Structures are given as structure tokens and as C-alpha cells.
Amino acid sequence: MTAPVRVVRLLRVREGREADFVAAYQGVLERARRFPGHLGEQLCRSLDDPAQWLLTSEWESAESVRRWRTDPAHTALVEPLNACLHDDRWTGLFHIMGPAGTRAAPAAGAGTRSAGSAGPRTP
């Protein structure tokens, strides 16, 4: 049995590129909504530091995330988005916990993370 996972990305958008970033994100989001295993996501902008953004997405499994990240259409879609970002980004993959801190059954290969990844990874 696989457990749902959440991808968390902490991003810094280059000054003056906010509108380009949001437009590029909308293209990625449209594709993600149709991708098998995608359950939903949110894009948030920091009130304290407007250059900092938080992107979270929920997936059926770590395998769903892997398929999304390696999909050739995804790679092409995220290029314009990544062009709007500084290189100091952080991405983490988390098991979604059940109520009161109980953990859902672990998914094989889940729990990986990348720090400072400058590659074309986005949920």
C-alpha cells in the first residue's frame, strides 16, 4: 500500500519577474491537474518577504511524483518558471501524517529531499 505524499518547495522569485512566474506556474498547474496521481496544490507568497514563495502539492504516492518530475512535458513546462527563480531553492518530499501524528503506510522510495536544487523540479 502506498501513502500520499506532499511536495514542499521554498522558492525566491527574482524581483520584477513575479508576473512571469505566476503565468508560468499556471501552465504547470494546468498540466499537473491532468496528471495521474496529482491530488492538489497551493501557491503562497510570504507576507514578510514578498520575494519568498511556498509551493505545496499533494500526490497519491512518491512514485506519482517521480513520474511527474521525469515527464518530458513537465521538463519543458518548468523551464520558464525556473528562469524566474533564484538558485537558492529547497524541495522536500514528505509522507502525509494521519490524525494526531499517526503516520499513513510508507510509500516505497519516499522521504527524499533536495536542497539548493537548481534543476527543473517542480510539482
PDB file of N, CA and C in Angstrom:
ATOM      1  N   MET A   1       0.835  -1.177   0.000  1.00  0.00           N
ATOM      2  CA  MET A   1       0.000   0.000   0.000  1.00  0.00           C
ATOM      3  C   MET A   1       0.887   1.250   0.000  1.00  0.00           C
ATOM      4  N   THR A   2       0.532   2.229  -0.804  1.00  0.00           N
ATOM      5  CA  THR A   2       1.293   3.466  -0.843  1.00  0.00           C
ATOM      6  C   THR A   2       0.573   4.544  -0.046  1.00  0.00           C
ATOM      7  N   ALA A   3       1.336   5.485   0.440  1.00  0.00           N
ATOM      8  CA  ALA A   3       0.786   6.579   1.221  1.00  0.00           C
ATOM      9  C   ALA A   3       0.874   7.867   0.409  1.00  0.00           C
ATOM     10  N   PRO A   4      -0.070   8.772   0.613  1.00  0.00           N
ATOM     11  CA  PRO A   4       0.027  10.057  -0.080  1.00  0.00           C
ATOM     12  C   PRO A   4       1.234  10.841   0.426  1.00  0.00           C
ATOM     13  N   VAL A   5       1.760  11.693  -0.446  1.00  0.00           N
ATOM     14  CA  VAL A   5       2.917  12.497  -0.098  1.00  0.00           C
ATOM     15  C   VAL A   5       2.648  13.959  -0.450  1.00  0.00           C
ATOM     16  N   ARG A   6       3.400  14.825   0.213  1.00  0.00           N
ATOM     17  CA  ARG A   6       3.334  16.254  -0.078  1.00  0.00           C
ATOM     18  C   ARG A   6       4.723  16.713  -0.501  1.00  0.00           C
ATOM     19  N   VAL A   7       4.765  17.455  -1.595  1.00  0.00           N
ATOM     20  CA  VAL A   7       5.989  18.088  -2.054  1.00  0.00           C
ATOM     21  C   VAL A   7       5.927  19.539  -1.584  1.00  0.00           C
ATOM     22  N   VAL A   8       7.005  19.983  -0.955  1.00  0.00           N
ATOM     23  CA  VAL A   8       7.094  21.355  -0.456  1.00  0.00           C
ATOM     24  C   VAL A   8       8.287  22.018  -1.127  1.00  0.00           C
ATOM     25  N   ARG A   9       8.039  23.145  -1.756  1.00  0.00           N
ATOM     26  CA  ARG A   9       9.121  23.903  -2.407  1.00  0.00           C
ATOM     27  C   ARG A   9       9.146  25.304  -1.838  1.00  0.00           C
ATOM     28  N   LEU A  10      10.299  25.730  -1.382  1.00  0.00           N
ATOM     29  CA  LEU A  10      10.516  27.087  -0.912  1.00  0.00           C
ATOM     30  C   LEU A  10      11.347  27.791  -1.981  1.00  0.00           C
ATOM     31  N   LEU A  11      10.801  28.860  -2.545  1.00  0.00           N
ATOM     32  CA  LEU A  11      11.386  29.497  -3.720  1.00  0.00           C
ATOM     33  C   LEU A  11      11.595  30.986  -3.486  1.00  0.00           C
ATOM     34  N   ARG A  12      12.549  31.548  -4.204  1.00  0.00           N
ATOM     35  CA  ARG A  12      12.737  33.004  -4.205  1.00  0.00           C
ATOM     36  C   ARG A  12      12.613  33.473  -5.652  1.00  0.00           C
ATOM     37  N   VAL A  13      11.618  34.325  -5.886  1.00  0.00           N
ATOM     38  CA  VAL A  13      11.357  34.833  -7.228  1.00  0.00           C
ATOM     39  C   VAL A  13      12.158  36.117  -7.433  1.00  0.00           C
ATOM     40  N   ARG A  14      12.779  36.205  -8.595  1.00  0.00           N
ATOM     41  CA  ARG A  14      13.587  37.389  -8.922  1.00  0.00           C
ATOM     42  C   ARG A  14      12.692  38.637  -8.995  1.00  0.00           C
ATOM     43  N   GLU A  15      13.208  39.735  -8.479  1.00  0.00           N
ATOM     44  CA  GLU A  15      12.460  40.993  -8.488  1.00  0.00           C
ATOM     45  C   GLU A  15      12.084  41.374  -9.920  1.00  0.00           C
ATOM     46  N   GLY A  16      10.827  41.751 -10.095  1.00  0.00           N
ATOM     47  CA  GLY A  16      10.324  42.128 -11.410  1.00  0.00           C
ATOM     48  C   GLY A  16       9.846  40.958 -12.250  1.00  0.00           C
ATOM     49  N   ARG A  17      10.023  39.727 -11.770  1.00  0.00           N
ATOM     50  CA  ARG A  17       9.628  38.535 -12.522  1.00  0.00           C
ATOM     51  C   ARG A  17       8.386  37.845 -11.936  1.00  0.00           C
ATOM     52  N   GLU A  18       7.734  38.487 -10.977  1.00  0.00           N
ATOM     53  CA  GLU A  18       6.599  37.879 -10.285  1.00  0.00           C
ATOM     54  C   GLU A  18       5.472  37.509 -11.249  1.00  0.00           C
ATOM     55  N   ALA A  19       5.097  38.412 -12.134  1.00  0.00           N
ATOM     56  CA  ALA A  19       4.004  38.132 -13.079  1.00  0.00           C
ATOM     57  C   ALA A  19       4.386  36.993 -14.027  1.00  0.00           C
ATOM     58  N   ASP A  20       5.640  36.973 -14.480  1.00  0.00           N
ATOM     59  CA  ASP A  20       6.105  35.878 -15.350  1.00  0.00           C
ATOM     60  C   ASP A  20       6.067  34.548 -14.605  1.00  0.00           C
ATOM     61  N   PHE A  21       6.470  34.581 -13.341  1.00  0.00           N
ATOM     62  CA  PHE A  21       6.465  33.371 -12.517  1.00  0.00           C
ATOM     63  C   PHE A  21       5.046  32.821 -12.364  1.00  0.00           C
ATOM     64  N   VAL A  22       4.107  33.691 -12.025  1.00  0.00           N
ATOM     65  CA  VAL A  22       2.720  33.244 -11.830  1.00  0.00           C
ATOM     66  C   VAL A  22       2.145  32.717 -13.149  1.00  0.00           C
ATOM     67  N   ALA A  23       2.428  33.382 -14.250  1.00  0.00           N
ATOM     68  CA  ALA A  23       1.937  32.904 -15.561  1.00  0.00           C
ATOM     69  C   ALA A  23       2.529  31.540 -15.895  1.00  0.00           C
ATOM     70  N   ALA A  24       3.825  31.367 -15.659  1.00  0.00           N
ATOM     71  CA  ALA A  24       4.463  30.070 -15.925  1.00  0.00           C
ATOM     72  C   ALA A  24       3.895  28.995 -15.003  1.00  0.00           C
ATOM     73  N   TYR A  25       3.673  29.351 -13.744  1.00  0.00           N
ATOM     74  CA  TYR A  25       3.087  28.405 -12.788  1.00  0.00           C
ATOM     75  C   TYR A  25       1.703  27.953 -13.245  1.00  0.00           C
ATOM     76  N   GLN A  26       0.903  28.856 -13.785  1.00  0.00           N
ATOM     77  CA  GLN A  26      -0.437  28.480 -14.249  1.00  0.00           C
ATOM     78  C   GLN A  26      -0.365  27.405 -15.332  1.00  0.00           C
ATOM     79  N   GLY A  27       0.616  27.497 -16.219  1.00  0.00           N
ATOM     80  CA  GLY A  27       0.801  26.464 -17.240  1.00  0.00           C
ATOM     81  C   GLY A  27       1.176  25.124 -16.631  1.00  0.00           C
ATOM     82  N   VAL A  28       2.065  25.153 -15.647  1.00  0.00           N
ATOM     83  CA  VAL A  28       2.461  23.919 -14.961  1.00  0.00           C
ATOM     84  C   VAL A  28       1.253  23.337 -14.223  1.00  0.00           C
ATOM     85  N   LEU A  29       0.498  24.197 -13.557  1.00  0.00           N
ATOM     86  CA  LEU A  29      -0.668  23.746 -12.795  1.00  0.00           C
ATOM     87  C   LEU A  29      -1.713  23.087 -13.692  1.00  0.00           C
ATOM     88  N   GLU A  30      -1.969  23.661 -14.854  1.00  0.00           N
ATOM     89  CA  GLU A  30      -2.936  23.055 -15.781  1.00  0.00           C
ATOM     90  C   GLU A  30      -2.535  21.629 -16.141  1.00  0.00           C
ATOM     91  N   ARG A  31      -1.269  21.429 -16.421  1.00  0.00           N
ATOM     92  CA  ARG A  31      -0.774  20.085 -16.762  1.00  0.00           C
ATOM     93  C   ARG A  31      -0.835  19.174 -15.541  1.00  0.00           C
ATOM     94  N   ALA A  32      -0.445  19.684 -14.385  1.00  0.00           N
ATOM     95  CA  ALA A  32      -0.447  18.869 -13.163  1.00  0.00           C
ATOM     96  C   ALA A  32      -1.851  18.374 -12.831  1.00  0.00           C
ATOM     97  N   ARG A  33      -2.843  19.219 -12.995  1.00  0.00           N
ATOM     98  CA  ARG A  33      -4.229  18.832 -12.678  1.00  0.00           C
ATOM     99  C   ARG A  33      -4.693  17.634 -13.490  1.00  0.00           C
ATOM    100  N   ARG A  34      -4.123  17.445 -14.660  1.00  0.00           N
ATOM    101  CA  ARG A  34      -4.499  16.313 -15.515  1.00  0.00           C
ATOM    102  C   ARG A  34      -3.561  15.126 -15.367  1.00  0.00           C
ATOM    103  N   PHE A  35      -2.522  15.270 -14.559  1.00  0.00           N
ATOM    104  CA  PHE A  35      -1.514  14.222 -14.440  1.00  0.00           C
ATOM    105  C   PHE A  35      -1.961  13.166 -13.431  1.00  0.00           C
ATOM    106  N   PRO A  36      -1.831  11.883 -13.771  1.00  0.00           N
ATOM    107  CA  PRO A  36      -2.236  10.817 -12.837  1.00  0.00           C
ATOM    108  C   PRO A  36      -1.505  10.905 -11.501  1.00  0.00           C
ATOM    109  N   GLY A  37      -2.258  10.855 -10.429  1.00  0.00           N
ATOM    110  CA  GLY A  37      -1.686  10.872  -9.095  1.00  0.00           C
ATOM    111  C   GLY A  37      -1.667  12.237  -8.435  1.00  0.00           C
ATOM    112  N   HIS A  38      -1.910  13.298  -9.196  1.00  0.00           N
ATOM    113  CA  HIS A  38      -1.932  14.653  -8.624  1.00  0.00           C
ATOM    114  C   HIS A  38      -3.250  14.856  -7.886  1.00  0.00           C
ATOM    115  N   LEU A  39      -3.153  15.294  -6.621  1.00  0.00           N
ATOM    116  CA  LEU A  39      -4.348  15.473  -5.794  1.00  0.00           C
ATOM    117  C   LEU A  39      -4.674  16.939  -5.522  1.00  0.00           C
ATOM    118  N   GLY A  40      -3.733  17.838  -5.718  1.00  0.00           N
ATOM    119  CA  GLY A  40      -3.998  19.251  -5.480  1.00  0.00           C
ATOM    120  C   GLY A  40      -2.738  19.984  -5.080  1.00  0.00           C
ATOM    121  N   GLU A  41      -2.834  21.317  -5.045  1.00  0.00           N
ATOM    122  CA  GLU A  41      -1.686  22.113  -4.646  1.00  0.00           C
ATOM    123  C   GLU A  41      -2.080  23.536  -4.306  1.00  0.00           C
ATOM    124  N   GLN A  42      -1.117  24.236  -3.716  1.00  0.00           N
ATOM    125  CA  GLN A  42      -1.288  25.637  -3.352  1.00  0.00           C
ATOM    126  C   GLN A  42      -0.005  26.402  -3.626  1.00  0.00           C
ATOM    127  N   LEU A  43      -0.170  27.644  -4.051  1.00  0.00           N
ATOM    128  CA  LEU A  43       0.944  28.562  -4.217  1.00  0.00           C
ATOM    129  C   LEU A  43       0.719  29.707  -3.233  1.00  0.00           C
ATOM    130  N   CYS A  44       1.733  30.008  -2.424  1.00  0.00           N
ATOM    131  CA  CYS A  44       1.629  31.042  -1.392  1.00  0.00           C
ATOM    132  C   CYS A  44       2.796  32.006  -1.516  1.00  0.00           C
ATOM    133  N   ARG A  45       2.520  33.270  -1.184  1.00  0.00           N
ATOM    134  CA  ARG A  45       3.567  34.297  -1.186  1.00  0.00           C
ATOM    135  C   ARG A  45       3.724  34.830   0.237  1.00  0.00           C
ATOM    136  N   SER A  46       4.950  34.961   0.678  1.00  0.00           N
ATOM    137  CA  SER A  46       5.233  35.413   2.031  1.00  0.00           C
ATOM    138  C   SER A  46       4.776  36.852   2.251  1.00  0.00           C
ATOM    139  N   LEU A  47       4.142  37.079   3.384  1.00  0.00           N
ATOM    140  CA  LEU A  47       3.778  38.444   3.781  1.00  0.00           C
ATOM    141  C   LEU A  47       4.988  39.195   4.315  1.00  0.00           C
ATOM    142  N   ASP A  48       5.935  38.463   4.900  1.00  0.00           N
ATOM    143  CA  ASP A  48       7.126  39.075   5.488  1.00  0.00           C
ATOM    144  C   ASP A  48       8.218  39.375   4.468  1.00  0.00           C
ATOM    145  N   ASP A  49       8.305  38.555   3.430  1.00  0.00           N
ATOM    146  CA  ASP A  49       9.342  38.692   2.410  1.00  0.00           C
ATOM    147  C   ASP A  49       8.702  38.357   1.057  1.00  0.00           C
ATOM    148  N   PRO A  50       8.199  39.352   0.336  1.00  0.00           N
ATOM    149  CA  PRO A  50       7.459  39.099  -0.903  1.00  0.00           C
ATOM    150  C   PRO A  50       8.240  38.357  -1.992  1.00  0.00           C
ATOM    151  N   ALA A  51       9.558  38.275  -1.867  1.00  0.00           N
ATOM    152  CA  ALA A  51      10.338  37.510  -2.842  1.00  0.00           C
ATOM    153  C   ALA A  51      10.259  36.014  -2.564  1.00  0.00           C
ATOM    154  N   GLN A  52       9.823  35.645  -1.372  1.00  0.00           N
ATOM    155  CA  GLN A  52       9.775  34.235  -0.984  1.00  0.00           C
ATOM    156  C   GLN A  52       8.378  33.662  -1.243  1.00  0.00           C
ATOM    157  N   TRP A  53       8.353  32.496  -1.871  1.00  0.00           N
ATOM    158  CA  TRP A  53       7.105  31.819  -2.225  1.00  0.00           C
ATOM    159  C   TRP A  53       7.175  30.386  -1.717  1.00  0.00           C
ATOM    160  N   LEU A  54       6.024  29.844  -1.423  1.00  0.00           N
ATOM    161  CA  LEU A  54       5.891  28.457  -0.973  1.00  0.00           C
ATOM    162  C   LEU A  54       4.938  27.757  -1.926  1.00  0.00           C
ATOM    163  N   LEU A  55       5.377  26.637  -2.454  1.00  0.00           N
ATOM    164  CA  LEU A  55       4.557  25.833  -3.357  1.00  0.00           C
ATOM    165  C   LEU A  55       4.434  24.449  -2.743  1.00  0.00           C
ATOM    166  N   THR A  56       3.203  24.013  -2.512  1.00  0.00           N
ATOM    167  CA  THR A  56       2.988  22.670  -1.985  1.00  0.00           C
ATOM    168  C   THR A  56       2.059  21.923  -2.930  1.00  0.00           C
ATOM    169  N   SER A  57       2.314  20.636  -3.083  1.00  0.00           N
ATOM    170  CA  SER A  57       1.423  19.800  -3.882  1.00  0.00           C
ATOM    171  C   SER A  57       1.252  18.457  -3.190  1.00  0.00           C
ATOM    172  N   GLU A  58       0.101  17.876  -3.386  1.00  0.00           N
ATOM    173  CA  GLU A  58      -0.198  16.582  -2.787  1.00  0.00           C
ATOM    174  C   GLU A  58      -0.359  15.559  -3.911  1.00  0.00           C
ATOM    175  N   TRP A  59       0.221  14.373  -3.659  1.00  0.00           N
ATOM    176  CA  TRP A  59       0.252  13.302  -4.660  1.00  0.00           C
ATOM    177  C   TRP A  59      -0.159  11.988  -4.022  1.00  0.00           C
ATOM    178  N   GLU A  60      -0.682  11.078  -4.834  1.00  0.00           N
ATOM    179  CA  GLU A  60      -1.092   9.757  -4.325  1.00  0.00           C
ATOM    180  C   GLU A  60       0.077   8.974  -3.750  1.00  0.00           C
ATOM    181  N   SER A  61       1.280   9.162  -4.315  1.00  0.00           N
ATOM    182  CA  SER A  61       2.437   8.379  -3.881  1.00  0.00           C
ATOM    183  C   SER A  61       3.729   9.053  -4.324  1.00  0.00           C
ATOM    184  N   ALA A  62       4.823   8.603  -3.763  1.00  0.00           N
ATOM    185  CA  ALA A  62       6.135   9.086  -4.193  1.00  0.00           C
ATOM    186  C   ALA A  62       6.387   8.702  -5.651  1.00  0.00           C
ATOM    187  N   GLU A  63       5.867   7.570  -6.065  1.00  0.00           N
ATOM    188  CA  GLU A  63       6.009   7.143  -7.459  1.00  0.00           C
ATOM    189  C   GLU A  63       5.301   8.116  -8.400  1.00  0.00           C
ATOM    190  N   SER A  64       4.132   8.630  -8.007  1.00  0.00           N
ATOM    191  CA  SER A  64       3.428   9.629  -8.820  1.00  0.00           C
ATOM    192  C   SER A  64       4.295  10.869  -9.004  1.00  0.00           C
ATOM    193  N   VAL A  65       4.958  11.306  -7.935  1.00  0.00           N
ATOM    194  CA  VAL A  65       5.845  12.468  -8.001  1.00  0.00           C
ATOM    195  C   VAL A  65       7.005  12.179  -8.944  1.00  0.00           C
ATOM    196  N   ARG A  66       7.593  11.000  -8.833  1.00  0.00           N
ATOM    197  CA  ARG A  66       8.713  10.634  -9.704  1.00  0.00           C
ATOM    198  C   ARG A  66       8.292  10.677 -11.176  1.00  0.00           C
ATOM    199  N   ARG A  67       7.121  10.117 -11.474  1.00  0.00           N
ATOM    200  CA  ARG A  67       6.633  10.127 -12.861  1.00  0.00           C
ATOM    201  C   ARG A  67       6.419  11.564 -13.350  1.00  0.00           C
ATOM    202  N   TRP A  68       5.875  12.408 -12.498  1.00  0.00           N
ATOM    203  CA  TRP A  68       5.647  13.811 -12.841  1.00  0.00           C
ATOM    204  C   TRP A  68       6.976  14.524 -13.123  1.00  0.00           C
ATOM    205  N   ARG A  69       7.936  14.329 -12.257  1.00  0.00           N
ATOM    206  CA  ARG A  69       9.225  15.012 -12.405  1.00  0.00           C
ATOM    207  C   ARG A  69       9.998  14.565 -13.634  1.00  0.00           C
ATOM    208  N   THR A  70       9.789  13.342 -14.072  1.00  0.00           N
ATOM    209  CA  THR A  70      10.537  12.825 -15.223  1.00  0.00           C
ATOM    210  C   THR A  70       9.740  12.885 -16.524  1.00  0.00           C
ATOM    211  N   ASP A  71       8.517  13.373 -16.483  1.00  0.00           N
ATOM    212  CA  ASP A  71       7.698  13.502 -17.677  1.00  0.00           C
ATOM    213  C   ASP A  71       8.308  14.571 -18.595  1.00  0.00           C
ATOM    214  N   PRO A  72       8.553  14.251 -19.865  1.00  0.00           N
ATOM    215  CA  PRO A  72       9.182  15.233 -20.772  1.00  0.00           C
ATOM    216  C   PRO A  72       8.384  16.540 -20.887  1.00  0.00           C
ATOM    217  N   ALA A  73       7.065  16.471 -20.866  1.00  0.00           N
ATOM    218  CA  ALA A  73       6.262  17.696 -20.942  1.00  0.00           C
ATOM    219  C   ALA A  73       6.487  18.563 -19.707  1.00  0.00           C
ATOM    220  N   HIS A  74       6.658  17.943 -18.563  1.00  0.00           N
ATOM    221  CA  HIS A  74       6.917  18.681 -17.326  1.00  0.00           C
ATOM    222  C   HIS A  74       8.228  19.449 -17.423  1.00  0.00           C
ATOM    223  N   THR A  75       9.250  18.793 -17.906  1.00  0.00           N
ATOM    224  CA  THR A  75      10.565  19.419 -18.025  1.00  0.00           C
ATOM    225  C   THR A  75      10.472  20.689 -18.872  1.00  0.00           C
ATOM    226  N   ALA A  76       9.776  20.630 -19.989  1.00  0.00           N
ATOM    227  CA  ALA A  76       9.628  21.797 -20.859  1.00  0.00           C
ATOM    228  C   ALA A  76       8.788  22.885 -20.184  1.00  0.00           C
ATOM    229  N   LEU A  77       7.753  22.487 -19.459  1.00  0.00           N
ATOM    230  CA  LEU A  77       6.877  23.460 -18.803  1.00  0.00           C
ATOM    231  C   LEU A  77       7.567  24.254 -17.711  1.00  0.00           C
ATOM    232  N   VAL A  78       8.464  23.624 -16.970  1.00  0.00           N
ATOM    233  CA  VAL A  78       9.072  24.309 -15.827  1.00  0.00           C
ATOM    234  C   VAL A  78      10.253  25.207 -16.197  1.00  0.00           C
ATOM    235  N   GLU A  79      10.745  25.113 -17.413  1.00  0.00           N
ATOM    236  CA  GLU A  79      11.870  25.971 -17.806  1.00  0.00           C
ATOM    237  C   GLU A  79      11.552  27.453 -17.636  1.00  0.00           C
ATOM    238  N   PRO A  80      10.405  27.958 -18.149  1.00  0.00           N
ATOM    239  CA  PRO A  80      10.095  29.383 -17.951  1.00  0.00           C
ATOM    240  C   PRO A  80       9.880  29.735 -16.469  1.00  0.00           C
ATOM    241  N   LEU A  81       9.327  28.834 -15.711  1.00  0.00           N
ATOM    242  CA  LEU A  81       9.127  29.051 -14.276  1.00  0.00           C
ATOM    243  C   LEU A  81      10.473  29.167 -13.574  1.00  0.00           C
ATOM    244  N   ASN A  82      11.364  28.235 -13.838  1.00  0.00           N
ATOM    245  CA  ASN A  82      12.680  28.241 -13.197  1.00  0.00           C
ATOM    246  C   ASN A  82      13.511  29.460 -13.583  1.00  0.00           C
ATOM    247  N   ALA A  83      13.275  30.008 -14.778  1.00  0.00           N
ATOM    248  CA  ALA A  83      14.010  31.198 -15.212  1.00  0.00           C
ATOM    249  C   ALA A  83      13.673  32.411 -14.344  1.00  0.00           C
ATOM    250  N   CYS A  84      12.565  32.363 -13.621  1.00  0.00           N
ATOM    251  CA  CYS A  84      12.137  33.468 -12.755  1.00  0.00           C
ATOM    252  C   CYS A  84      12.687  33.340 -11.338  1.00  0.00           C
ATOM    253  N   LEU A  85      13.375  32.248 -11.045  1.00  0.00           N
ATOM    254  CA  LEU A  85      13.777  31.941  -9.678  1.00  0.00           C
ATOM    255  C   LEU A  85      15.262  32.160  -9.436  1.00  0.00           C
ATOM    256  N   HIS A  86      15.575  32.522  -8.189  1.00  0.00           N
ATOM    257  CA  HIS A  86      16.953  32.499  -7.731  1.00  0.00           C
ATOM    258  C   HIS A  86      17.342  31.033  -7.516  1.00  0.00           C
ATOM    259  N   ASP A  87      18.625  30.760  -7.436  1.00  0.00           N
ATOM    260  CA  ASP A  87      19.090  29.380  -7.278  1.00  0.00           C
ATOM    261  C   ASP A  87      18.919  28.825  -5.872  1.00  0.00           C
ATOM    262  N   ASP A  88      18.653  29.671  -4.893  1.00  0.00           N
ATOM    263  CA  ASP A  88      18.519  29.176  -3.520  1.00  0.00           C
ATOM    264  C   ASP A  88      17.104  28.665  -3.263  1.00  0.00           C
ATOM    265  N   ARG A  89      16.819  27.488  -3.796  1.00  0.00           N
ATOM    266  CA  ARG A  89      15.514  26.856  -3.630  1.00  0.00           C
ATOM    267  C   ARG A  89      15.672  25.590  -2.813  1.00  0.00           C
ATOM    268  N   TRP A  90      14.595  25.210  -2.202  1.00  0.00           N
ATOM    269  CA  TRP A  90      14.601  23.996  -1.396  1.00  0.00           C
ATOM    270  C   TRP A  90      13.358  23.198  -1.742  1.00  0.00           C
ATOM    271  N   THR A  91      13.537  21.885  -1.893  1.00  0.00           N
ATOM    272  CA  THR A  91      12.420  20.990  -2.167  1.00  0.00           C
ATOM    273  C   THR A  91      12.484  19.819  -1.201  1.00  0.00           C
ATOM    274  N   GLY A  92      11.349  19.476  -0.611  1.00  0.00           N
ATOM    275  CA  GLY A  92      11.258  18.332   0.287  1.00  0.00           C
ATOM    276  C   GLY A  92      10.048  17.486  -0.068  1.00  0.00           C
ATOM    277  N   LEU A  93      10.173  16.194   0.109  1.00  0.00           N
ATOM    278  CA  LEU A  93       9.090  15.241  -0.132  1.00  0.00           C
ATOM    279  C   LEU A  93       8.740  14.607   1.212  1.00  0.00           C
ATOM    280  N   PHE A  94       7.475  14.705   1.596  1.00  0.00           N
ATOM    281  CA  PHE A  94       7.043  14.282   2.927  1.00  0.00           C
ATOM    282  C   PHE A  94       5.899  13.282   2.855  1.00  0.00           C
ATOM    283  N   HIS A  95       5.918  12.289   3.756  1.00  0.00           N
ATOM    284  CA  HIS A  95       4.751  11.438   3.956  1.00  0.00           C
ATOM    285  C   HIS A  95       3.693  12.290   4.636  1.00  0.00           C
ATOM    286  N   ILE A  96       2.458  12.162   4.231  1.00  0.00           N
ATOM    287  CA  ILE A  96       1.369  12.869   4.893  1.00  0.00           C
ATOM    288  C   ILE A  96       0.962  12.066   6.107  1.00  0.00           C
ATOM    289  N   MET A  97       0.973  12.721   7.245  1.00  0.00           N
ATOM    290  CA  MET A  97       0.662  12.066   8.513  1.00  0.00           C
ATOM    291  C   MET A  97      -0.851  12.013   8.703  1.00  0.00           C
ATOM    292  N   GLY A  98      -1.295  10.996   9.403  1.00  0.00           N
ATOM    293  CA  GLY A  98      -2.710  10.871   9.721  1.00  0.00           C
ATOM    294  C   GLY A  98      -3.072  11.755  10.900  1.00  0.00           C
ATOM    295  N   PRO A  99      -4.269  11.645  11.383  1.00  0.00           N
ATOM    296  CA  PRO A  99      -4.708  12.455  12.521  1.00  0.00           C
ATOM    297  C   PRO A  99      -3.838  12.213  13.753  1.00  0.00           C
ATOM    298  N   ALA A 100      -3.655  13.252  14.538  1.00  0.00           N
ATOM    299  CA  ALA A 100      -2.935  13.192  15.814  1.00  0.00           C
ATOM    300  C   ALA A 100      -1.537  12.602  15.674  1.00  0.00           C
ATOM    301  N   GLY A 101      -0.866  12.858  14.554  1.00  0.00           N
ATOM    302  CA  GLY A 101       0.514  12.437  14.395  1.00  0.00           C
ATOM    303  C   GLY A 101       0.703  10.987  14.003  1.00  0.00           C
ATOM    304  N   THR A 102      -0.364  10.252  13.703  1.00  0.00           N
ATOM    305  CA  THR A 102      -0.183   8.888  13.224  1.00  0.00           C
ATOM    306  C   THR A 102       0.258   8.950  11.779  1.00  0.00           C
ATOM    307  N   ARG A 103       1.040   7.993  11.382  1.00  0.00           N
ATOM    308  CA  ARG A 103       1.600   8.009  10.034  1.00  0.00           C
ATOM    309  C   ARG A 103       0.875   7.015   9.148  1.00  0.00           C
ATOM    310  N   ALA A 104       0.569   7.462   7.935  1.00  0.00           N
ATOM    311  CA  ALA A 104       0.000   6.555   6.944  1.00  0.00           C
ATOM    312  C   ALA A 104       1.079   5.557   6.543  1.00  0.00           C
ATOM    313  N   ALA A 105       0.690   4.467   5.917  1.00  0.00           N
ATOM    314  CA  ALA A 105       1.652   3.450   5.478  1.00  0.00           C
ATOM    315  C   ALA A 105       2.680   4.091   4.554  1.00  0.00           C
ATOM    316  N   PRO A 106       3.984   3.818   4.743  1.00  0.00           N
ATOM    317  CA  PRO A 106       5.016   4.469   3.930  1.00  0.00           C
ATOM    318  C   PRO A 106       4.993   3.983   2.487  1.00  0.00           C
ATOM    319  N   ALA A 107       5.301   4.911   1.609  1.00  0.00           N
ATOM    320  CA  ALA A 107       5.438   4.581   0.195  1.00  0.00           C
ATOM    321  C   ALA A 107       6.893   4.230  -0.076  1.00  0.00           C
ATOM    322  N   ALA A 108       7.122   3.266  -0.915  1.00  0.00           N
ATOM    323  CA  ALA A 108       8.491   2.873  -1.254  1.00  0.00           C
ATOM    324  C   ALA A 108       9.209   4.040  -1.900  1.00  0.00           C
ATOM    325  N   GLY A 109      10.421   4.322  -1.424  1.00  0.00           N
ATOM    326  CA  GLY A 109      11.235   5.363  -2.019  1.00  0.00           C
ATOM    327  C   GLY A 109      10.870   6.766  -1.597  1.00  0.00           C
ATOM    328  N   ALA A 110       9.915   6.940  -0.716  1.00  0.00           N
ATOM    329  CA  ALA A 110       9.502   8.271  -0.304  1.00  0.00           C
ATOM    330  C   ALA A 110      10.457   8.811   0.742  1.00  0.00           C
ATOM    331  N   GLY A 111      10.329  10.084   0.999  1.00  0.00           N
ATOM    332  CA  GLY A 111      11.117  10.705   2.048  1.00  0.00           C
ATOM    333  C   GLY A 111      12.413  11.308   1.570  1.00  0.00           C
ATOM    334  N   THR A 112      12.594  11.445   0.273  1.00  0.00           N
ATOM    335  CA  THR A 112      13.808  12.061  -0.235  1.00  0.00           C
ATOM    336  C   THR A 112      13.630  13.557  -0.288  1.00  0.00           C
ATOM    337  N   ARG A 113      14.737  14.273  -0.289  1.00  0.00           N
ATOM    338  CA  ARG A 113      14.661  15.707  -0.422  1.00  0.00           C
ATOM    339  C   ARG A 113      15.879  16.210  -1.155  1.00  0.00           C
ATOM    340  N   SER A 114      15.763  17.399  -1.676  1.00  0.00           N
ATOM    341  CA  SER A 114      16.909  18.033  -2.300  1.00  0.00           C
ATOM    342  C   SER A 114      16.998  19.451  -1.772  1.00  0.00           C
ATOM    343  N   ALA A 115      18.182  19.888  -1.492  1.00  0.00           N
ATOM    344  CA  ALA A 115      18.390  21.254  -1.025  1.00  0.00           C
ATOM    345  C   ALA A 115      19.201  21.999  -2.057  1.00  0.00           C
ATOM    346  N   GLY A 116      18.783  23.192  -2.338  1.00  0.00           N
ATOM    347  CA  GLY A 116      19.522  24.016  -3.281  1.00  0.00           C
ATOM    348  C   GLY A 116      19.440  23.508  -4.701  1.00  0.00           C
ATOM    349  N   SER A 117      18.435  22.742  -5.007  1.00  0.00           N
ATOM    350  CA  SER A 117      18.299  22.180  -6.340  1.00  0.00           C
ATOM    351  C   SER A 117      18.016  23.269  -7.362  1.00  0.00           C
ATOM    352  N   ALA A 118      18.818  23.327  -8.379  1.00  0.00           N
ATOM    353  CA  ALA A 118      18.596  24.328  -9.426  1.00  0.00           C
ATOM    354  C   ALA A 118      18.033  23.686 -10.669  1.00  0.00           C
ATOM    355  N   GLY A 119      17.759  22.392 -10.617  1.00  0.00           N
ATOM    356  CA  GLY A 119      17.252  21.678 -11.782  1.00  0.00           C
ATOM    357  C   GLY A 119      15.777  21.919 -12.004  1.00  0.00           C
ATOM    358  N   PRO A 120      15.225  21.366 -13.065  1.00  0.00           N
ATOM    359  CA  PRO A 120      13.838  21.628 -13.431  1.00  0.00           C
ATOM    360  C   PRO A 120      12.860  20.786 -12.632  1.00  0.00           C
ATOM    361  N   ARG A 121      12.884  20.921 -11.296  1.00  0.00           N
ATOM    362  CA  ARG A 121      11.981  20.146 -10.473  1.00  0.00           C
ATOM    363  C   ARG A 121      10.913  21.068  -9.919  1.00  0.00           C
ATOM    364  N   THR A 122       9.712  20.714 -10.170  1.00  0.00           N
ATOM    365  CA  THR A 122       8.592  21.396  -9.542  1.00  0.00           C
ATOM    366  C   THR A 122       7.405  20.472  -9.512  1.00  0.00           C
ATOM    367  N   PRO A 123       6.643  20.581  -8.522  1.00  0.00           N
ATOM    368  CA  PRO A 123       5.440  19.805  -8.502  1.00  0.00           C
ATOM    369  C   PRO A 123       4.398  20.442  -9.354  1.00  0.00           C
TER     370      PRO A 123
END
